[in-house]
């Protein structure tokens, strides 16, 4: 399991790769996200296909108490 900061650090190390991670939600459910980092923006694609562009500080603030499970890096 990863914190949001750990997930962002992983994205920094693996720039130009796609990281698939699941956001843990309550009651044993999760939401899959696909991340890629390009320059200073983090691209976050949800399972609905919507892409959100985050600045790193915005992403950390939005998901400050989140827990993630790393699914794969491609």
N, C-alpha and C. Protein backbone atom coordinates (compact mmCIF):
# COMPACT_ATOMS: atom_id res chain seq x y z
N UNK A 1 0.84 -1.18 0.00
CA UNK A 1 0.00 0.00 0.00
C UNK A 1 0.89 1.24 0.00
N UNK A 2 0.39 2.28 -0.66
CA UNK A 2 1.15 3.51 -0.81
C UNK A 2 0.33 4.72 -0.35
N UNK A 3 1.03 5.71 0.18
CA UNK A 3 0.39 6.99 0.42
C UNK A 3 0.40 7.77 -0.90
N UNK A 4 -0.30 8.88 -0.92
CA UNK A 4 -0.32 9.70 -2.13
C UNK A 4 1.06 10.24 -2.45
N UNK A 5 1.81 10.66 -1.44
CA UNK A 5 3.18 11.16 -1.67
C UNK A 5 4.08 10.06 -2.23
N UNK A 6 3.94 8.84 -1.72
CA UNK A 6 4.74 7.72 -2.24
C UNK A 6 4.38 7.43 -3.69
N UNK A 7 3.10 7.51 -4.02
CA UNK A 7 2.66 7.29 -5.39
C UNK A 7 3.24 8.35 -6.32
N UNK A 8 3.24 9.59 -5.88
CA UNK A 8 3.80 10.67 -6.68
C UNK A 8 5.32 10.49 -6.85
N UNK A 9 6.00 10.06 -5.82
CA UNK A 9 7.44 9.78 -5.93
C UNK A 9 7.70 8.67 -6.94
N UNK A 10 6.86 7.67 -6.95
CA UNK A 10 6.98 6.57 -7.91
C UNK A 10 6.77 7.10 -9.33
N UNK A 11 5.83 8.02 -9.51
CA UNK A 11 5.61 8.63 -10.82
C UNK A 11 6.83 9.45 -11.25
N UNK A 12 7.47 10.13 -10.30
CA UNK A 12 8.67 10.90 -10.61
C UNK A 12 9.80 10.00 -11.09
N UNK A 13 9.96 8.87 -10.46
CA UNK A 13 11.02 7.92 -10.82
C UNK A 13 10.73 7.28 -12.18
N UNK A 14 9.46 7.09 -12.49
CA UNK A 14 9.05 6.40 -13.72
C UNK A 14 8.41 7.36 -14.71
N UNK A 15 9.03 8.52 -14.91
CA UNK A 15 8.46 9.47 -15.86
C UNK A 15 8.33 8.82 -17.23
N UNK A 16 7.31 9.21 -17.93
CA UNK A 16 7.00 8.74 -19.29
C UNK A 16 6.50 7.29 -19.31
N UNK A 17 6.23 6.72 -18.14
CA UNK A 17 5.59 5.41 -18.07
C UNK A 17 4.20 5.61 -17.50
N UNK A 18 3.36 4.61 -17.67
CA UNK A 18 2.00 4.67 -17.12
C UNK A 18 1.95 3.81 -15.86
N UNK A 19 1.44 4.40 -14.81
CA UNK A 19 1.29 3.70 -13.54
C UNK A 19 -0.19 3.43 -13.33
N UNK A 20 -0.51 2.18 -13.12
CA UNK A 20 -1.89 1.80 -12.79
C UNK A 20 -1.94 1.55 -11.29
N UNK A 21 -2.81 2.30 -10.61
CA UNK A 21 -2.95 2.17 -9.16
C UNK A 21 -4.42 2.25 -8.79
N UNK A 22 -4.76 1.58 -7.73
CA UNK A 22 -6.15 1.57 -7.26
C UNK A 22 -6.26 2.38 -5.98
N UNK A 23 -7.21 3.30 -5.98
CA UNK A 23 -7.53 4.09 -4.80
C UNK A 23 -8.46 3.27 -3.92
N UNK A 24 -8.03 3.05 -2.69
CA UNK A 24 -8.87 2.27 -1.78
C UNK A 24 -10.00 3.14 -1.25
N UNK A 25 -11.21 2.64 -1.41
CA UNK A 25 -12.40 3.31 -0.92
C UNK A 25 -12.97 2.48 0.23
N UNK A 26 -13.95 2.97 0.88
CA UNK A 26 -14.54 2.22 1.99
C UNK A 26 -15.26 0.97 1.53
N UNK A 27 -15.51 0.08 2.46
CA UNK A 27 -16.29 -1.14 2.24
C UNK A 27 -15.67 -2.05 1.17
N UNK A 28 -14.34 -2.19 1.21
CA UNK A 28 -13.60 -3.10 0.32
C UNK A 28 -13.78 -2.81 -1.16
N UNK A 29 -13.98 -1.56 -1.50
CA UNK A 29 -14.06 -1.21 -2.92
C UNK A 29 -12.87 -0.33 -3.28
N UNK A 30 -12.60 -0.26 -4.58
CA UNK A 30 -11.47 0.54 -5.03
C UNK A 30 -11.78 1.10 -6.41
N UNK A 31 -11.04 2.14 -6.77
CA UNK A 31 -11.20 2.79 -8.07
C UNK A 31 -9.84 2.83 -8.76
N UNK A 32 -9.77 2.30 -9.95
CA UNK A 32 -8.52 2.23 -10.69
C UNK A 32 -8.24 3.56 -11.39
N UNK A 33 -6.98 3.99 -11.30
CA UNK A 33 -6.52 5.21 -11.96
C UNK A 33 -5.27 4.86 -12.76
N UNK A 34 -5.08 5.57 -13.85
CA UNK A 34 -3.87 5.44 -14.68
C UNK A 34 -3.16 6.79 -14.65
N UNK A 35 -1.89 6.79 -14.24
CA UNK A 35 -1.13 8.02 -14.07
C UNK A 35 0.04 8.08 -15.03
N UNK A 36 0.30 9.27 -15.53
CA UNK A 36 1.55 9.53 -16.25
C UNK A 36 1.98 10.94 -15.90
N UNK A 37 3.28 11.12 -15.79
CA UNK A 37 3.85 12.41 -15.41
C UNK A 37 4.59 12.98 -16.60
N UNK A 38 4.23 14.18 -16.98
CA UNK A 38 4.89 14.86 -18.10
C UNK A 38 5.24 16.25 -17.64
N UNK A 39 6.54 16.48 -17.52
CA UNK A 39 7.06 17.75 -17.00
C UNK A 39 6.51 17.97 -15.61
N UNK A 40 5.76 19.02 -15.40
CA UNK A 40 5.27 19.32 -14.06
C UNK A 40 3.81 18.92 -13.84
N UNK A 41 3.20 18.25 -14.82
CA UNK A 41 1.79 17.86 -14.70
C UNK A 41 1.63 16.35 -14.55
N UNK A 42 0.73 15.97 -13.68
CA UNK A 42 0.36 14.58 -13.50
C UNK A 42 -0.97 14.37 -14.20
N UNK A 43 -1.00 13.44 -15.14
CA UNK A 43 -2.23 13.11 -15.86
C UNK A 43 -2.86 11.91 -15.16
N UNK A 44 -4.10 12.06 -14.75
CA UNK A 44 -4.83 11.06 -13.97
C UNK A 44 -6.06 10.66 -14.76
N UNK A 45 -6.07 9.43 -15.29
CA UNK A 45 -7.23 8.93 -16.03
C UNK A 45 -7.96 7.91 -15.17
N UNK A 46 -9.22 8.19 -14.92
CA UNK A 46 -10.05 7.28 -14.14
C UNK A 46 -10.64 6.20 -15.03
N UNK A 47 -11.34 5.26 -14.41
CA UNK A 47 -11.93 4.17 -15.18
C UNK A 47 -13.06 4.66 -16.08
N UNK A 48 -13.54 5.89 -15.84
CA UNK A 48 -14.57 6.46 -16.69
C UNK A 48 -13.99 7.11 -17.94
N UNK A 49 -12.66 7.12 -18.06
CA UNK A 49 -11.99 7.69 -19.22
C UNK A 49 -11.73 9.19 -19.11
N UNK A 50 -12.19 9.80 -18.03
CA UNK A 50 -11.96 11.23 -17.84
C UNK A 50 -10.53 11.45 -17.37
N UNK A 51 -9.85 12.41 -18.00
CA UNK A 51 -8.47 12.73 -17.65
C UNK A 51 -8.43 14.05 -16.90
N UNK A 52 -7.81 14.01 -15.74
CA UNK A 52 -7.61 15.21 -14.93
C UNK A 52 -6.13 15.54 -14.93
N UNK A 53 -5.80 16.80 -15.16
CA UNK A 53 -4.42 17.26 -15.11
C UNK A 53 -4.21 17.93 -13.76
N UNK A 54 -3.22 17.43 -13.01
CA UNK A 54 -2.93 17.95 -11.68
C UNK A 54 -1.53 18.55 -11.65
N UNK A 55 -1.39 19.65 -10.91
CA UNK A 55 -0.06 20.05 -10.47
C UNK A 55 0.24 19.14 -9.28
N UNK A 56 1.51 18.89 -9.03
CA UNK A 56 1.87 17.93 -7.98
C UNK A 56 1.29 18.31 -6.62
N UNK A 57 1.36 19.59 -6.26
CA UNK A 57 0.85 20.01 -4.96
C UNK A 57 -0.67 19.88 -4.86
N UNK A 58 -1.37 20.10 -5.97
CA UNK A 58 -2.83 19.94 -5.99
C UNK A 58 -3.22 18.49 -5.76
N UNK A 59 -2.50 17.58 -6.43
CA UNK A 59 -2.78 16.15 -6.30
C UNK A 59 -2.58 15.68 -4.86
N UNK A 60 -1.47 16.10 -4.26
CA UNK A 60 -1.19 15.71 -2.87
C UNK A 60 -2.26 16.24 -1.93
N UNK A 61 -2.67 17.47 -2.12
CA UNK A 61 -3.69 18.06 -1.26
C UNK A 61 -5.04 17.37 -1.44
N UNK A 62 -5.41 17.08 -2.68
CA UNK A 62 -6.71 16.45 -2.96
C UNK A 62 -6.80 15.04 -2.37
N UNK A 63 -5.71 14.29 -2.45
CA UNK A 63 -5.70 12.90 -1.97
C UNK A 63 -4.83 12.73 -0.73
N UNK A 64 -4.79 13.75 0.14
CA UNK A 64 -3.85 13.74 1.26
C UNK A 64 -4.04 12.56 2.22
N UNK A 65 -5.21 12.03 2.37
CA UNK A 65 -5.44 10.91 3.29
C UNK A 65 -5.73 9.60 2.57
N UNK A 66 -5.40 9.54 1.28
CA UNK A 66 -5.73 8.36 0.48
C UNK A 66 -4.69 7.26 0.64
N UNK A 67 -5.13 6.06 0.37
CA UNK A 67 -4.26 4.89 0.32
C UNK A 67 -4.43 4.25 -1.05
N UNK A 68 -3.30 3.88 -1.65
CA UNK A 68 -3.28 3.34 -3.01
C UNK A 68 -2.64 1.95 -3.02
N UNK A 69 -3.05 1.14 -3.97
CA UNK A 69 -2.42 -0.15 -4.24
C UNK A 69 -1.84 -0.08 -5.64
N UNK A 70 -0.55 -0.35 -5.76
CA UNK A 70 0.09 -0.35 -7.07
C UNK A 70 -0.31 -1.62 -7.82
N UNK A 71 -0.85 -1.44 -9.01
CA UNK A 71 -1.25 -2.58 -9.82
C UNK A 71 -0.16 -2.96 -10.83
N UNK A 72 0.34 -1.94 -11.57
CA UNK A 72 1.44 -2.22 -12.52
C UNK A 72 2.02 -0.92 -13.04
N UNK A 73 3.24 -1.04 -13.58
CA UNK A 73 3.91 0.07 -14.27
C UNK A 73 4.25 -0.43 -15.67
N UNK A 74 3.78 0.29 -16.69
CA UNK A 74 4.05 -0.12 -18.08
C UNK A 74 4.66 1.02 -18.87
